[in-house]
Amino acid sequence: MNLVLRTHENLSDPVWGVIIMLGILLIIVTWYIVYILRSSFKELEHGSDDTTKQEELLQLQSDGD
């Protein structure tokens, strides 16, 4: 039980488990932000701002007044 609940010999030593978890979290968050930005730029390049067929059907017809 002493192995699990032992205290640090030097309290100024870093807690490497926390540092490693923060590094993994930083990598995952960075990858997710890059993924979102790439997909948004791909949408802009693809021209998805055009009206779709469904939007054209929902628009009201005008008589050309």
C-alpha atoms as a PDB file:
ATOM      1  CA  MET A   1       0.000   0.000   0.000  1.00  0.00           C
ATOM      2  CA  ASN A   2       2.962   2.278   0.513  1.00  0.00           C
ATOM      3  CA  LEU A   3       3.746   2.128  -3.228  1.00  0.00           C
ATOM      4  CA  VAL A   4       0.337   3.509  -4.235  1.00  0.00           C
ATOM      5  CA  LEU A   5      -0.049   6.196  -1.569  1.00  0.00           C
ATOM      6  CA  ARG A   6       3.510   7.374  -1.326  1.00  0.00           C
ATOM      7  CA  THR A   7       4.276  11.089  -1.365  1.00  0.00           C
ATOM      8  CA  HIS A   8       6.781  12.857  -3.588  1.00  0.00           C
ATOM      9  CA  GLU A   9      10.313  12.921  -2.318  1.00  0.00           C
ATOM     10  CA  ASN A  10      10.719  16.447  -3.661  1.00  0.00           C
ATOM     11  CA  LEU A  11       7.560  18.557  -3.898  1.00  0.00           C
ATOM     12  CA  SER A  12       9.031  20.726  -6.653  1.00  0.00           C
ATOM     13  CA  ASP A  13       9.202  17.739  -9.056  1.00  0.00           C
ATOM     14  CA  PRO A  14       6.693  17.966 -11.910  1.00  0.00           C
ATOM     15  CA  VAL A  15       3.772  15.569 -12.090  1.00  0.00           C
ATOM     16  CA  TRP A  16       4.547  13.866 -15.408  1.00  0.00           C
ATOM     17  CA  GLY A  17       1.180  12.161 -15.718  1.00  0.00           C
ATOM     18  CA  VAL A  18      -0.595  15.520 -15.774  1.00  0.00           C
ATOM     19  CA  ILE A  19       1.930  16.984 -18.226  1.00  0.00           C
ATOM     20  CA  ILE A  20       1.499  14.010 -20.588  1.00  0.00           C
ATOM     21  CA  MET A  21      -2.320  14.203 -20.396  1.00  0.00           C
ATOM     22  CA  LEU A  22      -2.242  17.947 -21.149  1.00  0.00           C
ATOM     23  CA  GLY A  23       0.036  17.301 -24.121  1.00  0.00           C
ATOM     24  CA  ILE A  24      -2.328  14.646 -25.499  1.00  0.00           C
ATOM     25  CA  LEU A  25      -5.291  16.980 -24.968  1.00  0.00           C
ATOM     26  CA  LEU A  26      -3.489  19.818 -26.764  1.00  0.00           C
ATOM     27  CA  ILE A  27      -2.750  17.552 -29.741  1.00  0.00           C
ATOM     28  CA  ILE A  28      -6.381  16.367 -29.959  1.00  0.00           C
ATOM     29  CA  VAL A  29      -7.800  19.910 -29.724  1.00  0.00           C
ATOM     30  CA  THR A  30      -5.355  21.183 -32.360  1.00  0.00           C
ATOM     31  CA  TRP A  31      -6.270  18.326 -34.727  1.00  0.00           C
ATOM     32  CA  TYR A  32      -9.987  19.027 -34.235  1.00  0.00           C
ATOM     33  CA  ILE A  33      -9.584  22.756 -34.965  1.00  0.00           C
ATOM     34  CA  VAL A  34      -7.568  21.982 -38.111  1.00  0.00           C
ATOM     35  CA  TYR A  35     -10.263  19.500 -39.206  1.00  0.00           C
ATOM     36  CA  ILE A  36     -13.032  22.093 -38.781  1.00  0.00           C
ATOM     37  CA  LEU A  37     -11.060  24.769 -40.630  1.00  0.00           C
ATOM     38  CA  ARG A  38     -10.188  22.422 -43.509  1.00  0.00           C
ATOM     39  CA  SER A  39     -13.798  21.359 -43.933  1.00  0.00           C
ATOM     40  CA  SER A  40     -15.006  24.974 -43.899  1.00  0.00           C
ATOM     41  CA  PHE A  41     -12.436  26.020 -46.520  1.00  0.00           C
ATOM     42  CA  LYS A  42     -13.376  22.999 -48.619  1.00  0.00           C
ATOM     43  CA  GLU A  43     -17.028  24.112 -48.500  1.00  0.00           C
ATOM     44  CA  LEU A  44     -16.072  27.625 -49.570  1.00  0.00           C
ATOM     45  CA  GLU A  45     -13.982  26.343 -52.491  1.00  0.00           C
ATOM     46  CA  HIS A  46     -16.665  23.882 -53.556  1.00  0.00           C
ATOM     47  CA  GLY A  47     -19.209  26.667 -53.930  1.00  0.00           C
ATOM     48  CA  SER A  48     -21.831  25.315 -51.606  1.00  0.00           C
ATOM     49  CA  ASP A  49     -23.274  28.833 -51.264  1.00  0.00           C
ATOM     50  CA  ASP A  50     -25.355  28.162 -54.389  1.00  0.00           C
ATOM     51  CA  THR A  51     -29.041  27.579 -53.861  1.00  0.00           C
ATOM     52  CA  THR A  52     -29.961  23.935 -53.775  1.00  0.00           C
ATOM     53  CA  LYS A  53     -32.850  22.347 -55.639  1.00  0.00           C
ATOM     54  CA  GLN A  54     -34.862  22.166 -52.419  1.00  0.00           C
ATOM     55  CA  GLU A  55     -34.378  25.889 -51.764  1.00  0.00           C
ATOM     56  CA  GLU A  56     -35.466  26.691 -55.326  1.00  0.00           C
ATOM     57  CA  LEU A  57     -38.662  24.704 -54.824  1.00  0.00           C
ATOM     58  CA  LEU A  58     -39.435  26.505 -51.567  1.00  0.00           C
ATOM     59  CA  GLN A  59     -39.108  30.009 -53.038  1.00  0.00           C
ATOM     60  CA  LEU A  60     -42.292  31.785 -54.006  1.00  0.00           C
ATOM     61  CA  GLN A  61     -42.817  32.374 -57.703  1.00  0.00           C
ATOM     62  CA  SER A  62     -43.125  35.995 -58.763  1.00  0.00           C
ATOM     63  CA  ASP A  63     -45.192  37.227 -61.667  1.00  0.00           C
ATOM     64  CA  GLY A  64     -42.482  39.664 -62.707  1.00  0.00           C
ATOM     65  CA  ASP A  65     -44.285  42.722 -61.299  1.00  0.00           C
END
